[in-house]
Amino acid sequence: MPKETFRVHTDSRILRKLDRLARQQDRSRDDIVNEAIDNVLERYSWQEQRVQAGIEAADQGRFAGTAEMQRLFGKYG
Protein backbone atom coordinates (compact mmCIF):
# COMPACT_ATOMS: atom_id res chain seq x y z
CA MET A 1 0.00 0.00 0.00
CA PRO A 2 1.40 3.43 -0.86
CA LYS A 3 2.55 5.54 2.08
CA GLU A 4 1.68 9.17 2.67
CA THR A 5 3.25 11.65 5.02
CA PHE A 6 1.47 13.86 7.55
CA ARG A 7 2.66 15.92 10.50
CA VAL A 8 1.77 15.35 14.11
CA HIS A 9 2.67 17.80 16.86
CA THR A 10 3.23 16.28 20.28
CA ASP A 11 5.10 17.17 23.42
CA SER A 12 8.65 16.06 24.06
CA ARG A 13 7.62 13.68 26.86
CA ILE A 14 5.53 11.60 24.48
CA LEU A 15 8.24 11.69 21.85
CA ARG A 16 10.83 10.40 24.34
CA LYS A 17 8.52 7.54 25.33
CA LEU A 18 7.88 6.73 21.70
CA ASP A 19 11.58 6.67 20.87
CA ARG A 20 12.37 4.50 23.90
CA LEU A 21 9.67 2.00 22.89
CA ALA A 22 10.92 1.94 19.30
CA ARG A 23 14.47 1.21 20.50
CA GLN A 24 13.29 -1.51 22.89
CA GLN A 25 11.39 -3.24 20.11
CA ASP A 26 14.04 -2.57 17.46
CA ARG A 27 11.41 -0.88 15.33
CA SER A 28 11.06 2.52 13.75
CA ARG A 29 9.09 5.37 15.25
CA ASP A 30 6.82 5.18 12.19
CA ASP A 31 6.06 1.50 12.84
CA ILE A 32 5.05 2.19 16.44
CA VAL A 33 2.88 5.18 15.51
CA ASN A 34 1.18 3.34 12.64
CA GLU A 35 0.40 0.38 14.91
CA ALA A 36 -1.08 2.74 17.51
CA ILE A 37 -3.20 4.53 14.91
CA ASP A 38 -4.44 1.22 13.53
CA ASN A 39 -5.38 0.02 17.04
CA VAL A 40 -7.34 3.21 17.74
CA LEU A 41 -9.19 3.02 14.42
CA GLU A 42 -10.06 -0.65 15.02
CA ARG A 43 -11.41 0.17 18.50
CA TYR A 44 -13.58 3.01 17.19
CA SER A 45 -14.83 0.80 14.37
CA TRP A 46 -15.80 -1.90 16.89
CA GLN A 47 -17.56 0.67 19.09
CA GLU A 48 -19.41 2.12 16.11
CA GLN A 49 -20.62 -1.35 15.11
CA ARG A 50 -21.84 -2.07 18.65
CA VAL A 51 -23.68 1.27 18.85
CA GLN A 52 -25.31 0.65 15.48
CA ALA A 53 -26.40 -2.83 16.60
CA GLY A 54 -27.90 -1.29 19.74
CA ILE A 55 -29.78 1.31 17.70
CA GLU A 56 -31.13 -1.38 15.40
CA ALA A 57 -32.23 -3.48 18.39
CA ALA A 58 -33.96 -0.47 19.93
CA ASP A 59 -35.66 0.32 16.63
CA GLN A 60 -37.01 -3.24 16.66
CA GLY A 61 -38.25 -2.83 20.23
CA ARG A 62 -35.72 -5.25 21.72
CA PHE A 63 -34.90 -3.94 25.20
CA ALA A 64 -33.81 -5.56 28.43
CA GLY A 65 -36.77 -6.26 30.67
CA THR A 66 -37.14 -5.19 34.29
CA ALA A 67 -36.10 -8.59 35.67
CA GLU A 68 -32.97 -8.68 33.53
CA MET A 69 -32.00 -5.15 34.56
CA GLN A 70 -32.52 -5.94 38.25
CA ARG A 71 -30.34 -9.05 37.88
CA LEU A 72 -27.58 -6.98 36.25
CA PHE A 73 -27.81 -4.23 38.85
CA GLY A 74 -27.64 -6.87 41.59
CA LYS A 75 -24.61 -8.45 39.96
CA TYR A 76 -22.65 -5.22 39.55
CA GLY A 77 -24.29 -2.96 42.13
PDB file of N, CA and C in Angstrom:
ATOM      1  N   MET A   1       0.847  -1.171   0.000  1.00  0.00           N
ATOM      2  CA  MET A   1       0.000   0.000   0.000  1.00  0.00           C
ATOM      3  C   MET A   1       0.897   1.240   0.000  1.00  0.00           C
ATOM      4  N   PRO A   2       0.570   2.221  -0.820  1.00  0.00           N
ATOM      5  CA  PRO A   2       1.403   3.433  -0.856  1.00  0.00           C
ATOM      6  C   PRO A   2       1.354   4.181   0.475  1.00  0.00           C
ATOM      7  N   LYS A   3       2.458   4.777   0.826  1.00  0.00           N
ATOM      8  CA  LYS A   3       2.554   5.535   2.079  1.00  0.00           C
ATOM      9  C   LYS A   3       2.404   7.022   1.781  1.00  0.00           C
ATOM     10  N   GLU A   4       1.798   7.718   2.747  1.00  0.00           N
ATOM     11  CA  GLU A   4       1.680   9.172   2.675  1.00  0.00           C
ATOM     12  C   GLU A   4       2.250   9.753   3.952  1.00  0.00           C
ATOM     13  N   THR A   5       2.659  10.970   3.871  1.00  0.00           N
ATOM     14  CA  THR A   5       3.249  11.652   5.018  1.00  0.00           C
ATOM     15  C   THR A   5       2.276  12.684   5.569  1.00  0.00           C
ATOM     16  N   PHE A   6       2.213  12.768   6.897  1.00  0.00           N
ATOM     17  CA  PHE A   6       1.473  13.856   7.546  1.00  0.00           C
ATOM     18  C   PHE A   6       2.217  14.227   8.811  1.00  0.00           C
ATOM     19  N   ARG A   7       1.965  15.420   9.308  1.00  0.00           N
ATOM     20  CA  ARG A   7       2.657  15.915  10.496  1.00  0.00           C
ATOM     21  C   ARG A   7       1.785  15.763  11.729  1.00  0.00           C
ATOM     22  N   VAL A   8       2.433  15.427  12.815  1.00  0.00           N
ATOM     23  CA  VAL A   8       1.774  15.347  14.113  1.00  0.00           C
ATOM     24  C   VAL A   8       2.615  16.149  15.095  1.00  0.00           C
ATOM     25  N   HIS A   9       1.977  17.029  15.826  1.00  0.00           N
ATOM     26  CA  HIS A   9       2.669  17.797  16.864  1.00  0.00           C
ATOM     27  C   HIS A   9       2.366  17.145  18.205  1.00  0.00           C
ATOM     28  N   THR A  10       3.401  16.876  18.962  1.00  0.00           N
ATOM     29  CA  THR A  10       3.232  16.280  20.277  1.00  0.00           C
ATOM     30  C   THR A  10       4.279  16.868  21.217  1.00  0.00           C
ATOM     31  N   ASP A  11       4.116  16.622  22.487  1.00  0.00           N
ATOM     32  CA  ASP A  11       5.100  17.173  23.419  1.00  0.00           C
ATOM     33  C   ASP A  11       6.316  16.253  23.516  1.00  0.00           C
ATOM     34  N   SER A  12       7.385  16.794  24.028  1.00  0.00           N
ATOM     35  CA  SER A  12       8.653  16.061  24.058  1.00  0.00           C
ATOM     36  C   SER A  12       8.585  14.822  24.948  1.00  0.00           C
ATOM     37  N   ARG A  13       7.767  14.843  25.970  1.00  0.00           N
ATOM     38  CA  ARG A  13       7.622  13.677  26.859  1.00  0.00           C
ATOM     39  C   ARG A  13       7.105  12.477  26.083  1.00  0.00           C
ATOM     40  N   ILE A  14       6.091  12.686  25.275  1.00  0.00           N
ATOM     41  CA  ILE A  14       5.526  11.597  24.478  1.00  0.00           C
ATOM     42  C   ILE A  14       6.549  11.124  23.450  1.00  0.00           C
ATOM     43  N   LEU A  15       7.237  12.048  22.850  1.00  0.00           N
ATOM     44  CA  LEU A  15       8.239  11.686  21.847  1.00  0.00           C
ATOM     45  C   LEU A  15       9.362  10.847  22.458  1.00  0.00           C
ATOM     46  N   ARG A  16       9.801  11.202  23.663  1.00  0.00           N
ATOM     47  CA  ARG A  16      10.834  10.397  24.342  1.00  0.00           C
ATOM     48  C   ARG A  16      10.334   8.988  24.623  1.00  0.00           C
ATOM     49  N   LYS A  17       9.090   8.865  25.073  1.00  0.00           N
ATOM     50  CA  LYS A  17       8.517   7.538  25.330  1.00  0.00           C
ATOM     51  C   LYS A  17       8.418   6.731  24.040  1.00  0.00           C
ATOM     52  N   LEU A  18       8.002   7.385  22.992  1.00  0.00           N
ATOM     53  CA  LEU A  18       7.883   6.726  21.696  1.00  0.00           C
ATOM     54  C   LEU A  18       9.241   6.228  21.209  1.00  0.00           C
ATOM     55  N   ASP A  19      10.240   7.064  21.301  1.00  0.00           N
ATOM     56  CA  ASP A  19      11.578   6.673  20.867  1.00  0.00           C
ATOM     57  C   ASP A  19      12.140   5.535  21.721  1.00  0.00           C
ATOM     58  N   ARG A  20      11.899   5.577  23.021  1.00  0.00           N
ATOM     59  CA  ARG A  20      12.371   4.502  23.898  1.00  0.00           C
ATOM     60  C   ARG A  20      11.697   3.183  23.528  1.00  0.00           C
ATOM     61  N   LEU A  21      10.385   3.213  23.284  1.00  0.00           N
ATOM     62  CA  LEU A  21       9.668   2.001  22.893  1.00  0.00           C
ATOM     63  C   LEU A  21      10.180   1.464  21.556  1.00  0.00           C
ATOM     64  N   ALA A  22      10.410   2.350  20.612  1.00  0.00           N
ATOM     65  CA  ALA A  22      10.922   1.937  19.298  1.00  0.00           C
ATOM     66  C   ALA A  22      12.284   1.259  19.447  1.00  0.00           C
ATOM     67  N   ARG A  23      13.155   1.828  20.278  1.00  0.00           N
ATOM     68  CA  ARG A  23      14.473   1.209  20.504  1.00  0.00           C
ATOM     69  C   ARG A  23      14.332  -0.151  21.161  1.00  0.00           C
ATOM     70  N   GLN A  24      13.468  -0.243  22.177  1.00  0.00           N
ATOM     71  CA  GLN A  24      13.288  -1.508  22.894  1.00  0.00           C
ATOM     72  C   GLN A  24      12.800  -2.614  21.961  1.00  0.00           C
ATOM     73  N   GLN A  25      11.966  -2.241  21.011  1.00  0.00           N
ATOM     74  CA  GLN A  25      11.392  -3.239  20.106  1.00  0.00           C
ATOM     75  C   GLN A  25      12.163  -3.338  18.788  1.00  0.00           C
ATOM     76  N   ASP A  26      13.238  -2.602  18.684  1.00  0.00           N
ATOM     77  CA  ASP A  26      14.044  -2.566  17.464  1.00  0.00           C
ATOM     78  C   ASP A  26      13.156  -2.301  16.245  1.00  0.00           C
ATOM     79  N   ARG A  27      12.335  -1.283  16.388  1.00  0.00           N
ATOM     80  CA  ARG A  27      11.413  -0.882  15.329  1.00  0.00           C
ATOM     81  C   ARG A  27      11.559   0.617  15.109  1.00  0.00           C
ATOM     82  N   SER A  28      11.005   1.091  14.014  1.00  0.00           N
ATOM     83  CA  SER A  28      11.056   2.525  13.747  1.00  0.00           C
ATOM     84  C   SER A  28       9.932   3.242  14.487  1.00  0.00           C
ATOM     85  N   ARG A  29      10.125   4.521  14.677  1.00  0.00           N
ATOM     86  CA  ARG A  29       9.087   5.370  15.251  1.00  0.00           C
ATOM     87  C   ARG A  29       7.815   5.267  14.402  1.00  0.00           C
ATOM     88  N   ASP A  30       7.972   5.286  13.095  1.00  0.00           N
ATOM     89  CA  ASP A  30       6.822   5.181  12.187  1.00  0.00           C
ATOM     90  C   ASP A  30       6.035   3.892  12.421  1.00  0.00           C
ATOM     91  N   ASP A  31       6.747   2.780  12.599  1.00  0.00           N
ATOM     92  CA  ASP A  31       6.061   1.501  12.836  1.00  0.00           C
ATOM     93  C   ASP A  31       5.205   1.556  14.093  1.00  0.00           C
ATOM     94  N   ILE A  32       5.772   2.109  15.160  1.00  0.00           N
ATOM     95  CA  ILE A  32       5.049   2.189  16.439  1.00  0.00           C
ATOM     96  C   ILE A  32       3.817   3.088  16.288  1.00  0.00           C
ATOM     97  N   VAL A  33       3.988   4.239  15.666  1.00  0.00           N
ATOM     98  CA  VAL A  33       2.878   5.181  15.508  1.00  0.00           C
ATOM     99  C   VAL A  33       1.789   4.582  14.616  1.00  0.00           C
ATOM    100  N   ASN A  34       2.181   3.935  13.519  1.00  0.00           N
ATOM    101  CA  ASN A  34       1.184   3.339  12.640  1.00  0.00           C
ATOM    102  C   ASN A  34       0.405   2.221  13.331  1.00  0.00           C
ATOM    103  N   GLU A  35       1.087   1.425  14.157  1.00  0.00           N
ATOM    104  CA  GLU A  35       0.398   0.381  14.909  1.00  0.00           C
ATOM    105  C   GLU A  35      -0.602   1.000  15.886  1.00  0.00           C
ATOM    106  N   ALA A  36      -0.197   2.069  16.561  1.00  0.00           N
ATOM    107  CA  ALA A  36      -1.083   2.742  17.514  1.00  0.00           C
ATOM    108  C   ALA A  36      -2.303   3.324  16.807  1.00  0.00           C
ATOM    109  N   ILE A  37      -2.078   3.957  15.676  1.00  0.00           N
ATOM    110  CA  ILE A  37      -3.202   4.534  14.914  1.00  0.00           C
ATOM    111  C   ILE A  37      -4.153   3.434  14.476  1.00  0.00           C
ATOM    112  N   ASP A  38      -3.603   2.332  13.969  1.00  0.00           N
ATOM    113  CA  ASP A  38      -4.436   1.220  13.530  1.00  0.00           C
ATOM    114  C   ASP A  38      -5.266   0.656  14.684  1.00  0.00           C
ATOM    115  N   ASN A  39      -4.653   0.532  15.871  1.00  0.00           N
ATOM    116  CA  ASN A  39      -5.382   0.023  17.042  1.00  0.00           C
ATOM    117  C   ASN A  39      -6.531   0.950  17.428  1.00  0.00           C
ATOM    118  N   VAL A  40      -6.294   2.247  17.408  1.00  0.00           N
ATOM    119  CA  VAL A  40      -7.343   3.213  17.743  1.00  0.00           C
ATOM    120  C   VAL A  40      -8.483   3.136  16.732  1.00  0.00           C
ATOM    121  N   LEU A  41      -8.146   3.082  15.448  1.00  0.00           N
ATOM    122  CA  LEU A  41      -9.187   3.018  14.419  1.00  0.00           C
ATOM    123  C   LEU A  41      -9.997   1.731  14.521  1.00  0.00           C
ATOM    124  N   GLU A  42      -9.347   0.614  14.837  1.00  0.00           N
ATOM    125  CA  GLU A  42     -10.057  -0.651  15.024  1.00  0.00           C
ATOM    126  C   GLU A  42     -11.014  -0.563  16.210  1.00  0.00           C
ATOM    127  N   ARG A  43     -10.552   0.044  17.312  1.00  0.00           N
ATOM    128  CA  ARG A  43     -11.407   0.168  18.504  1.00  0.00           C
ATOM    129  C   ARG A  43     -12.631   1.028  18.196  1.00  0.00           C
ATOM    130  N   TYR A  44     -12.438   2.154  17.519  1.00  0.00           N
ATOM    131  CA  TYR A  44     -13.577   3.006  17.192  1.00  0.00           C
ATOM    132  C   TYR A  44     -14.527   2.318  16.224  1.00  0.00           C
ATOM    133  N   SER A  45     -13.993   1.541  15.299  1.00  0.00           N
ATOM    134  CA  SER A  45     -14.834   0.799  14.369  1.00  0.00           C
ATOM    135  C   SER A  45     -15.693  -0.211  15.130  1.00  0.00           C
ATOM    136  N   TRP A  46     -15.073  -0.927  16.092  1.00  0.00           N
ATOM    137  CA  TRP A  46     -15.804  -1.901  16.894  1.00  0.00           C
ATOM    138  C   TRP A  46     -16.910  -1.194  17.691  1.00  0.00           C
ATOM    139  N   GLN A  47     -16.568  -0.064  18.306  1.00  0.00           N
ATOM    140  CA  GLN A  47     -17.561   0.674  19.087  1.00  0.00           C
ATOM    141  C   GLN A  47     -18.709   1.145  18.200  1.00  0.00           C
ATOM    142  N   GLU A  48     -18.385   1.651  17.028  1.00  0.00           N
ATOM    143  CA  GLU A  48     -19.413   2.124  16.106  1.00  0.00           C
ATOM    144  C   GLU A  48     -20.352   0.986  15.702  1.00  0.00           C
ATOM    145  N   GLN A  49     -19.794  -0.191  15.457  1.00  0.00           N
ATOM    146  CA  GLN A  49     -20.621  -1.346  15.107  1.00  0.00           C
ATOM    147  C   GLN A  49     -21.548  -1.737  16.252  1.00  0.00           C
ATOM    148  N   ARG A  50     -21.026  -1.718  17.478  1.00  0.00           N
ATOM    149  CA  ARG A  50     -21.840  -2.069  18.646  1.00  0.00           C
ATOM    150  C   ARG A  50     -22.956  -1.046  18.871  1.00  0.00           C
ATOM    151  N   VAL A  51     -22.655   0.230  18.709  1.00  0.00           N
ATOM    152  CA  VAL A  51     -23.677   1.273  18.853  1.00  0.00           C
ATOM    153  C   VAL A  51     -24.755   1.088  17.793  1.00  0.00           C
ATOM    154  N   GLN A  52     -24.338   0.842  16.561  1.00  0.00           N
ATOM    155  CA  GLN A  52     -25.310   0.651  15.483  1.00  0.00           C
ATOM    156  C   GLN A  52     -26.186  -0.562  15.756  1.00  0.00           C
ATOM    157  N   ALA A  53     -25.606  -1.642  16.256  1.00  0.00           N
ATOM    158  CA  ALA A  53     -26.396  -2.832  16.597  1.00  0.00           C
ATOM    159  C   ALA A  53     -27.398  -2.505  17.705  1.00  0.00           C
ATOM    160  N   GLY A  54     -26.991  -1.696  18.677  1.00  0.00           N
ATOM    161  CA  GLY A  54     -27.904  -1.290  19.743  1.00  0.00           C
ATOM    162  C   GLY A  54     -29.036  -0.432  19.224  1.00  0.00           C
ATOM    163  N   ILE A  55     -28.739   0.464  18.301  1.00  0.00           N
ATOM    164  CA  ILE A  55     -29.782   1.313  17.704  1.00  0.00           C
ATOM    165  C   ILE A  55     -30.774   0.457  16.931  1.00  0.00           C
ATOM    166  N   GLU A  56     -30.249  -0.495  16.160  1.00  0.00           N
ATOM    167  CA  GLU A  56     -31.133  -1.381  15.400  1.00  0.00           C
ATOM    168  C   GLU A  56     -32.010  -2.211  16.323  1.00  0.00           C
ATOM    169  N   ALA A  57     -31.446  -2.710  17.424  1.00  0.00           N
ATOM    170  CA  ALA A  57     -32.233  -3.479  18.392  1.00  0.00           C
ATOM    171  C   ALA A  57     -33.322  -2.609  19.007  1.00  0.00           C
ATOM    172  N   ALA A  58     -32.971  -1.383  19.354  1.00  0.00           N
ATOM    173  CA  ALA A  58     -33.959  -0.470  19.932  1.00  0.00           C
ATOM    174  C   ALA A  58     -35.054  -0.152  18.922  1.00  0.00           C
ATOM    175  N   ASP A  59     -34.669   0.055  17.661  1.00  0.00           N
ATOM    176  CA  ASP A  59     -35.664   0.324  16.627  1.00  0.00           C
ATOM    177  C   ASP A  59     -36.637  -0.836  16.455  1.00  0.00           C
ATOM    178  N   GLN A  60     -36.161  -2.044  16.765  1.00  0.00           N
ATOM    179  CA  GLN A  60     -37.011  -3.237  16.657  1.00  0.00           C
ATOM    180  C   GLN A  60     -37.745  -3.526  17.967  1.00  0.00           C
ATOM    181  N   GLY A  61     -37.562  -2.677  18.956  1.00  0.00           N
ATOM    182  CA  GLY A  61     -38.254  -2.832  20.229  1.00  0.00           C
ATOM    183  C   GLY A  61     -37.629  -3.866  21.139  1.00  0.00           C
ATOM    184  N   ARG A  62     -36.391  -4.250  20.882  1.00  0.00           N
ATOM    185  CA  ARG A  62     -35.716  -5.251  21.718  1.00  0.00           C
ATOM    186  C   ARG A  62     -34.954  -4.530  22.834  1.00  0.00           C
ATOM    187  N   PHE A  63     -35.512  -4.574  24.024  1.00  0.00           N
ATOM    188  CA  PHE A  63     -34.899  -3.941  25.195  1.00  0.00           C
ATOM    189  C   PHE A  63     -34.783  -4.967  26.304  1.00  0.00           C
ATOM    190  N   ALA A  64     -33.899  -4.707  27.245  1.00  0.00           N
ATOM    191  CA  ALA A  64     -33.806  -5.555  28.431  1.00  0.00           C
ATOM    192  C   ALA A  64     -35.039  -5.308  29.291  1.00  0.00           C
ATOM    193  N   GLY A  65     -35.608  -6.375  29.799  1.00  0.00           N
ATOM    194  CA  GLY A  65     -36.771  -6.259  30.667  1.00  0.00           C
ATOM    195  C   GLY A  65     -36.377  -5.888  32.087  1.00  0.00           C
ATOM    196  N   THR A  66     -37.371  -5.603  32.908  1.00  0.00           N
ATOM    197  CA  THR A  66     -37.137  -5.193  34.291  1.00  0.00           C
ATOM    198  C   THR A  66     -36.375  -6.258  35.066  1.00  0.00           C
ATOM    199  N   ALA A  67     -36.764  -7.514  34.926  1.00  0.00           N
ATOM    200  CA  ALA A  67     -36.101  -8.589  35.667  1.00  0.00           C
ATOM    201  C   ALA A  67     -34.628  -8.704  35.270  1.00  0.00           C
ATOM    202  N   GLU A  68     -34.351  -8.588  33.985  1.00  0.00           N
ATOM    203  CA  GLU A  68     -32.966  -8.677  33.530  1.00  0.00           C
ATOM    204  C   GLU A  68     -32.141  -7.503  34.059  1.00  0.00           C
ATOM    205  N   MET A  69     -32.721  -6.319  34.049  1.00  0.00           N
ATOM    206  CA  MET A  69     -32.001  -5.148  34.559  1.00  0.00           C
ATOM    207  C   MET A  69     -31.746  -5.276  36.065  1.00  0.00           C
ATOM    208  N   GLN A  70     -32.717  -5.763  36.816  1.00  0.00           N
ATOM    209  CA  GLN A  70     -32.517  -5.944  38.253  1.00  0.00           C
ATOM    210  C   GLN A  70     -31.421  -6.971  38.523  1.00  0.00           C
ATOM    211  N   ARG A  71     -31.388  -8.032  37.723  1.00  0.00           N
ATOM    212  CA  ARG A  71     -30.340  -9.046  37.876  1.00  0.00           C
ATOM    213  C   ARG A  71     -28.963  -8.419  37.611  1.00  0.00           C
ATOM    214  N   LEU A  72     -28.857  -7.613  36.559  1.00  0.00           N
ATOM    215  CA  LEU A  72     -27.580  -6.982  36.253  1.00  0.00           C
ATOM    216  C   LEU A  72     -27.168  -5.973  37.322  1.00  0.00           C
ATOM    217  N   PHE A  73     -28.122  -5.177  37.794  1.00  0.00           N
ATOM    218  CA  PHE A  73     -27.806  -4.229  38.855  1.00  0.00           C
ATOM    219  C   PHE A  73     -27.371  -4.949  40.116  1.00  0.00           C
ATOM    220  N   GLY A  74     -28.020  -6.069  40.425  1.00  0.00           N
ATOM    221  CA  GLY A  74     -27.639  -6.872  41.588  1.00  0.00           C
ATOM    222  C   GLY A  74     -26.246  -7.460  41.441  1.00  0.00           C
ATOM    223  N   LYS A  75     -25.904  -7.847  40.227  1.00  0.00           N
ATOM    224  CA  LYS A  75     -24.605  -8.446  39.961  1.00  0.00           C
ATOM    225  C   LYS A  75     -23.481  -7.432  40.084  1.00  0.00           C
ATOM    226  N   TYR A  76     -23.706  -6.222  39.567  1.00  0.00           N
ATOM    227  CA  TYR A  76     -22.655  -5.222  39.548  1.00  0.00           C
ATOM    228  C   TYR A  76     -22.854  -4.100  40.569  1.00  0.00           C
ATOM    229  N   GLY A  77     -24.013  -4.056  41.211  1.00  0.00           N
ATOM    230  CA  GLY A  77     -24.291  -2.963  42.135  1.00  0.00           C
ATOM    231  C   GLY A  77     -23.767  -3.241  43.462  1.00  0.00           C
TER     232      GLY A  77
END
